[in-house]
Amino acid sequence: MQRTVNNRRGFTLIEIMVVIVILALLAALVGPKIIGRSDDAKLADAKVQIRNLETALKLYKLDNGNYPTTEQGMQALLTKPTTGLIPKNYRQEGYLESKKLPTDPWGGDYIYLSPGEHGDYDLCSLGSDGVKGGEGKGADICNWNIQ
């Protein structure tokens, strides 16, 4: 008098396949929108970093009467230059809070020229492609063309 009740129920193969298709469709629709936004975020980050470096350069000029030369580079924002025009009122703690030069969001160094071709100094990131020039998302981001 044993009674075996088989009340177990699982998902059928068709139900599992329907769920997989729905997830694939969602990933195909949402994925590109999320991935494309990372480039926009990096572009915005580069612009903010350039503005912060400009502020540090302006403080340097305010204290010392001139911007660091190209030879001294932005390293002059961290340590007192020993070549070229030696600053007389250099801040002992430097001009960057982070105590290190930032790299652009793509891992490259910022390019600094003083005197610059577009003003007292030029400050640029080579963008996502890492080469001078470029179009669209690979374009250079420079202090004179930031809006």
C-alpha atoms as a PDB file:
ATOM      1  CA  MET A   1       0.000   0.000   0.000  1.00  0.00           C
ATOM      2  CA  GLN A   2       2.630   2.449  -0.852  1.00  0.00           C
ATOM      3  CA  ARG A   3       1.668   5.429  -2.818  1.00  0.00           C
ATOM      4  CA  THR A   4       4.234   7.313  -4.810  1.00  0.00           C
ATOM      5  CA  VAL A   5       3.267  10.798  -5.683  1.00  0.00           C
ATOM      6  CA  ASN A   6       5.307  12.468  -8.371  1.00  0.00           C
ATOM      7  CA  ASN A   7       4.541  16.144  -7.751  1.00  0.00           C
ATOM      8  CA  ARG A   8       7.920  17.451  -8.795  1.00  0.00           C
ATOM      9  CA  ARG A   9       7.816  19.954 -11.573  1.00  0.00           C
ATOM     10  CA  GLY A  10      10.783  21.704 -13.192  1.00  0.00           C
ATOM     11  CA  PHE A  11      11.287  24.031 -16.115  1.00  0.00           C
ATOM     12  CA  THR A  12      10.959  22.624 -19.559  1.00  0.00           C
ATOM     13  CA  LEU A  13      13.617  23.122 -22.167  1.00  0.00           C
ATOM     14  CA  ILE A  14      11.341  25.470 -24.091  1.00  0.00           C
ATOM     15  CA  GLU A  15      10.777  27.679 -21.031  1.00  0.00           C
ATOM     16  CA  ILE A  16      14.516  27.903 -20.436  1.00  0.00           C
ATOM     17  CA  MET A  17      15.140  28.788 -24.092  1.00  0.00           C
ATOM     18  CA  VAL A  18      12.507  31.541 -23.985  1.00  0.00           C
ATOM     19  CA  VAL A  19      14.179  33.090 -20.936  1.00  0.00           C
ATOM     20  CA  ILE A  20      17.599  32.941 -22.629  1.00  0.00           C
ATOM     21  CA  VAL A  21      16.223  34.636 -25.754  1.00  0.00           C
ATOM     22  CA  ILE A  22      14.623  37.399 -23.666  1.00  0.00           C
ATOM     23  CA  LEU A  23      17.886  37.996 -21.757  1.00  0.00           C
ATOM     24  CA  ALA A  24      19.854  38.093 -25.018  1.00  0.00           C
ATOM     25  CA  LEU A  25      17.456  40.671 -26.475  1.00  0.00           C
ATOM     26  CA  LEU A  26      17.757  42.846 -23.364  1.00  0.00           C
ATOM     27  CA  ALA A  27      21.540  42.632 -23.461  1.00  0.00           C
ATOM     28  CA  ALA A  28      21.562  43.552 -27.159  1.00  0.00           C
ATOM     29  CA  LEU A  29      19.401  46.616 -26.535  1.00  0.00           C
ATOM     30  CA  VAL A  30      20.858  47.906 -23.268  1.00  0.00           C
ATOM     31  CA  GLY A  31      24.524  46.886 -23.634  1.00  0.00           C
ATOM     32  CA  PRO A  32      25.574  49.351 -26.343  1.00  0.00           C
ATOM     33  CA  LYS A  33      23.972  52.255 -24.502  1.00  0.00           C
ATOM     34  CA  ILE A  34      25.901  51.494 -21.327  1.00  0.00           C
ATOM     35  CA  ILE A  35      29.188  50.826 -23.131  1.00  0.00           C
ATOM     36  CA  GLY A  36      28.948  54.055 -25.143  1.00  0.00           C
ATOM     37  CA  ARG A  37      28.575  56.100 -21.979  1.00  0.00           C
ATOM     38  CA  SER A  38      32.007  55.124 -20.669  1.00  0.00           C
ATOM     39  CA  ASP A  39      33.609  57.169 -23.467  1.00  0.00           C
ATOM     40  CA  ASP A  40      31.507  60.190 -22.493  1.00  0.00           C
ATOM     41  CA  ALA A  41      32.535  59.780 -18.857  1.00  0.00           C
ATOM     42  CA  LYS A  42      36.235  59.622 -19.775  1.00  0.00           C
ATOM     43  CA  LEU A  43      35.895  62.727 -21.928  1.00  0.00           C
ATOM     44  CA  ALA A  44      34.249  64.614 -19.055  1.00  0.00           C
ATOM     45  CA  ASP A  45      36.937  63.389 -16.646  1.00  0.00           C
ATOM     46  CA  ALA A  46      39.717  64.643 -18.956  1.00  0.00           C
ATOM     47  CA  LYS A  47      38.088  68.075 -19.118  1.00  0.00           C
ATOM     48  CA  VAL A  48      37.820  68.259 -15.322  1.00  0.00           C
ATOM     49  CA  GLN A  49      41.454  67.203 -14.888  1.00  0.00           C
ATOM     50  CA  ILE A  50      42.605  69.831 -17.395  1.00  0.00           C
ATOM     51  CA  ARG A  51      40.635  72.514 -15.518  1.00  0.00           C
ATOM     52  CA  ASN A  52      42.201  71.373 -12.212  1.00  0.00           C
ATOM     53  CA  LEU A  53      45.695  71.494 -13.734  1.00  0.00           C
ATOM     54  CA  GLU A  54      44.931  74.974 -15.085  1.00  0.00           C
ATOM     55  CA  THR A  55      44.009  76.104 -11.571  1.00  0.00           C
ATOM     56  CA  ALA A  56      47.313  74.759 -10.232  1.00  0.00           C
ATOM     57  CA  LEU A  57      49.212  76.497 -13.050  1.00  0.00           C
ATOM     58  CA  LYS A  58      47.470  79.797 -12.287  1.00  0.00           C
ATOM     59  CA  LEU A  59      48.395  79.492  -8.601  1.00  0.00           C
ATOM     60  CA  TYR A  60      52.001  78.817  -9.636  1.00  0.00           C
ATOM     61  CA  LYS A  61      51.988  81.968 -11.785  1.00  0.00           C
ATOM     62  CA  LEU A  62      50.359  83.989  -9.020  1.00  0.00           C
ATOM     63  CA  ASP A  63      53.140  83.026  -6.598  1.00  0.00           C
ATOM     64  CA  ASN A  64      56.072  83.167  -9.035  1.00  0.00           C
ATOM     65  CA  GLY A  65      55.127  85.626 -11.776  1.00  0.00           C
ATOM     66  CA  ASN A  66      55.306  83.150 -14.667  1.00  0.00           C
ATOM     67  CA  TYR A  67      54.165  79.683 -15.718  1.00  0.00           C
ATOM     68  CA  PRO A  68      56.618  76.774 -15.642  1.00  0.00           C
ATOM     69  CA  THR A  69      58.523  76.446 -18.902  1.00  0.00           C
ATOM     70  CA  THR A  70      58.109  73.466 -21.202  1.00  0.00           C
ATOM     71  CA  GLU A  71      61.494  72.229 -19.978  1.00  0.00           C
ATOM     72  CA  GLN A  72      60.361  72.400 -16.338  1.00  0.00           C
ATOM     73  CA  GLY A  73      57.054  70.803 -17.289  1.00  0.00           C
ATOM     74  CA  MET A  74      54.162  70.138 -14.995  1.00  0.00           C
ATOM     75  CA  GLN A  75      56.578  68.453 -12.608  1.00  0.00           C
ATOM     76  CA  ALA A  76      57.126  72.038 -11.411  1.00  0.00           C
ATOM     77  CA  LEU A  77      53.692  71.798  -9.796  1.00  0.00           C
ATOM     78  CA  LEU A  78      55.047  69.086  -7.487  1.00  0.00           C
ATOM     79  CA  THR A  79      58.676  69.997  -6.846  1.00  0.00           C
ATOM     80  CA  LYS A  80      60.583  73.264  -7.100  1.00  0.00           C
ATOM     81  CA  PRO A  81      62.314  73.522 -10.475  1.00  0.00           C
ATOM     82  CA  THR A  82      66.109  73.598 -10.500  1.00  0.00           C
ATOM     83  CA  THR A  83      66.507  74.647 -14.142  1.00  0.00           C
ATOM     84  CA  GLY A  84      65.344  77.639 -16.150  1.00  0.00           C
ATOM     85  CA  LEU A  85      63.621  80.408 -14.217  1.00  0.00           C
ATOM     86  CA  ILE A  86      63.926  79.353 -10.593  1.00  0.00           C
ATOM     87  CA  PRO A  87      60.745  80.362  -8.724  1.00  0.00           C
ATOM     88  CA  LYS A  88      61.332  82.638  -5.714  1.00  0.00           C
ATOM     89  CA  ASN A  89      58.018  82.150  -3.911  1.00  0.00           C
ATOM     90  CA  TYR A  90      57.486  78.447  -4.530  1.00  0.00           C
ATOM     91  CA  ARG A  91      54.988  76.792  -2.184  1.00  0.00           C
ATOM     92  CA  GLN A  92      56.773  74.250  -0.063  1.00  0.00           C
ATOM     93  CA  GLU A  93      53.897  71.748  -0.432  1.00  0.00           C
ATOM     94  CA  GLY A  94      53.645  72.207  -4.211  1.00  0.00           C
ATOM     95  CA  TYR A  95      50.527  73.042  -6.184  1.00  0.00           C
ATOM     96  CA  LEU A  96      48.733  69.705  -6.515  1.00  0.00           C
ATOM     97  CA  GLU A  97      46.879  68.176  -3.589  1.00  0.00           C
ATOM     98  CA  SER A  98      47.367  64.627  -4.872  1.00  0.00           C
ATOM     99  CA  LYS A  99      51.186  64.994  -4.755  1.00  0.00           C
ATOM    100  CA  LYS A 100      51.434  63.284  -8.151  1.00  0.00           C
ATOM    101  CA  LEU A 101      50.761  64.246 -11.738  1.00  0.00           C
ATOM    102  CA  PRO A 102      47.529  62.770 -13.042  1.00  0.00           C
ATOM    103  CA  THR A 103      47.384  60.765 -16.238  1.00  0.00           C
ATOM    104  CA  ASP A 104      44.500  61.233 -18.610  1.00  0.00           C
ATOM    105  CA  PRO A 105      41.564  58.795 -18.388  1.00  0.00           C
ATOM    106  CA  TRP A 106      43.123  56.622 -21.113  1.00  0.00           C
ATOM    107  CA  GLY A 107      46.419  56.284 -19.211  1.00  0.00           C
ATOM    108  CA  GLY A 108      48.432  58.793 -21.238  1.00  0.00           C
ATOM    109  CA  ASP A 109      50.370  61.793 -19.985  1.00  0.00           C
ATOM    110  CA  TYR A 110      49.074  65.314 -20.446  1.00  0.00           C
ATOM    111  CA  ILE A 111      51.126  67.386 -22.879  1.00  0.00           C
ATOM    112  CA  TYR A 112      52.274  70.780 -21.610  1.00  0.00           C
ATOM    113  CA  LEU A 113      53.889  73.566 -23.653  1.00  0.00           C
ATOM    114  CA  SER A 114      54.822  76.991 -22.314  1.00  0.00           C
ATOM    115  CA  PRO A 115      54.762  79.355 -24.037  1.00  0.00           C
ATOM    116  CA  GLY A 116      51.957  77.716 -25.970  1.00  0.00           C
ATOM    117  CA  GLU A 117      50.722  78.114 -29.506  1.00  0.00           C
ATOM    118  CA  HIS A 118      47.229  79.084 -28.296  1.00  0.00           C
ATOM    119  CA  GLY A 119      48.043  81.158 -25.211  1.00  0.00           C
ATOM    120  CA  ASP A 120      50.471  81.387 -22.317  1.00  0.00           C
ATOM    121  CA  TYR A 121      50.505  77.593 -22.189  1.00  0.00           C
ATOM    122  CA  ASP A 122      48.928  74.648 -23.986  1.00  0.00           C
ATOM    123  CA  LEU A 123      47.662  71.658 -22.024  1.00  0.00           C
ATOM    124  CA  CYS A 124      46.302  68.632 -23.901  1.00  0.00           C
ATOM    125  CA  SER A 125      45.259  65.015 -23.642  1.00  0.00           C
ATOM    126  CA  LEU A 126      45.719  62.998 -26.816  1.00  0.00           C
ATOM    127  CA  GLY A 127      42.324  61.380 -26.262  1.00  0.00           C
ATOM    128  CA  SER A 128      41.327  57.772 -26.651  1.00  0.00           C
ATOM    129  CA  ASP A 129      43.506  57.092 -29.705  1.00  0.00           C
ATOM    130  CA  GLY A 130      46.704  58.368 -28.026  1.00  0.00           C
ATOM    131  CA  VAL A 131      47.961  60.208 -31.117  1.00  0.00           C
ATOM    132  CA  LYS A 132      47.987  63.891 -31.989  1.00  0.00           C
ATOM    133  CA  GLY A 133      44.901  65.039 -33.837  1.00  0.00           C
ATOM    134  CA  GLY A 134      42.015  62.698 -34.360  1.00  0.00           C
ATOM    135  CA  GLU A 135      38.312  62.926 -34.980  1.00  0.00           C
ATOM    136  CA  GLY A 136      35.208  62.293 -32.887  1.00  0.00           C
ATOM    137  CA  LYS A 137      35.929  60.262 -29.761  1.00  0.00           C
ATOM    138  CA  GLY A 138      39.635  60.048 -30.680  1.00  0.00           C
ATOM    139  CA  ALA A 139      40.052  63.844 -30.847  1.00  0.00           C
ATOM    140  CA  ASP A 140      42.522  65.670 -28.616  1.00  0.00           C
ATOM    141  CA  ILE A 141      41.122  67.483 -25.570  1.00  0.00           C
ATOM    142  CA  CYS A 142      42.972  70.764 -25.001  1.00  0.00           C
ATOM    143  CA  ASN A 143      42.569  73.704 -22.656  1.00  0.00           C
ATOM    144  CA  TRP A 144      41.765  76.123 -25.485  1.00  0.00           C
ATOM    145  CA  ASN A 145      38.919  74.038 -26.946  1.00  0.00           C
ATOM    146  CA  ILE A 146      37.070  72.926 -23.807  1.00  0.00           C
ATOM    147  CA  GLN A 147      33.583  74.329 -23.499  1.00  0.00           C
END
